[in-house]
Protein backbone atom coordinates (compact mmCIF):
# COMPACT_ATOMS: atom_id res chain seq x y z
CA UNK A 1 -28.52 -22.54 13.22
CA UNK A 2 -29.28 -19.31 11.38
CA UNK A 3 -30.09 -19.84 7.70
CA UNK A 4 -30.85 -16.19 6.95
CA UNK A 5 -28.61 -14.76 4.24
CA UNK A 6 -27.20 -11.39 5.20
CA UNK A 7 -25.52 -8.84 2.94
CA UNK A 8 -21.71 -9.02 2.95
CA UNK A 9 -21.57 -5.46 4.28
CA UNK A 10 -23.51 -6.55 7.39
CA UNK A 11 -21.29 -9.60 7.88
CA UNK A 12 -18.15 -7.45 7.53
CA UNK A 13 -19.47 -4.87 10.00
CA UNK A 14 -20.33 -7.54 12.58
CA UNK A 15 -17.04 -9.39 12.12
CA UNK A 16 -15.02 -6.18 12.49
CA UNK A 17 -16.93 -5.29 15.65
CA UNK A 18 -16.24 -8.74 17.13
CA UNK A 19 -12.54 -8.52 16.25
CA UNK A 20 -12.23 -5.05 17.83
CA UNK A 21 -13.95 -6.28 20.97
CA UNK A 22 -11.91 -9.47 21.30
CA UNK A 23 -8.49 -8.45 19.95
CA UNK A 24 -8.33 -4.68 20.22
CA UNK A 25 -7.95 -2.08 17.52
CA UNK A 26 -4.26 -2.53 16.68
CA UNK A 27 -4.36 -6.30 16.29
CA UNK A 28 -7.60 -6.11 14.31
CA UNK A 29 -6.11 -3.62 11.87
CA UNK A 30 -2.96 -5.73 11.50
CA UNK A 31 -5.12 -8.81 10.84
CA UNK A 32 -7.32 -7.06 8.26
CA UNK A 33 -4.36 -5.50 6.45
CA UNK A 34 -3.07 -8.90 5.42
CA UNK A 35 -6.10 -9.24 3.14
CA UNK A 36 -5.87 -5.85 1.46
CA UNK A 37 -4.87 -5.60 -2.17
CA UNK A 38 -1.55 -3.89 -2.77
CA UNK A 39 -0.84 -1.23 -5.36
CA UNK A 40 1.64 -0.99 -8.16
CA UNK A 41 3.51 -3.62 -10.12
CA UNK A 42 5.89 -5.49 -7.85
CA UNK A 43 7.72 -7.15 -10.74
CA UNK A 44 8.55 -3.83 -12.45
CA UNK A 45 9.51 -2.19 -9.15
CA UNK A 46 11.73 -5.14 -8.20
CA UNK A 47 13.52 -4.91 -11.56
CA UNK A 48 14.22 -1.21 -10.90
CA UNK A 49 15.96 -1.80 -7.56
CA UNK A 50 17.54 -5.16 -8.34
CA UNK A 51 18.42 -4.71 -11.99
CA UNK A 52 19.94 -7.77 -13.65
CA UNK A 53 21.59 -9.17 -10.53
CA UNK A 54 22.25 -12.90 -10.64
CA UNK A 55 21.20 -15.25 -7.88
CA UNK A 56 24.86 -15.87 -6.98
CA UNK A 57 25.50 -12.11 -6.69
CA UNK A 58 22.42 -11.66 -4.52
CA UNK A 59 23.53 -14.47 -2.21
CA UNK A 60 27.04 -12.99 -1.99
CA UNK A 61 25.63 -9.56 -1.10
CA UNK A 62 23.40 -11.07 1.59
CA UNK A 63 26.31 -13.00 3.08
CA UNK A 64 28.53 -9.91 2.99
CA UNK A 65 25.85 -7.92 4.82
CA UNK A 66 25.66 -10.48 7.63
CA UNK A 67 29.38 -10.15 8.46
């Protein structure tokens, strides 16, 4: 067991290298992207495109779109 404490930058570099080697570039990038912090304010943006729609109206619109 290795008890040496390494800097987080070294751990990240090694982990990324292992992921690339084992999973490939595309799957590694997809995996790492799930941990990235988004931008903007989702609540404000959602209010812009949804407005004051009620839950019942939203459900009706979803059902209408499935037909």
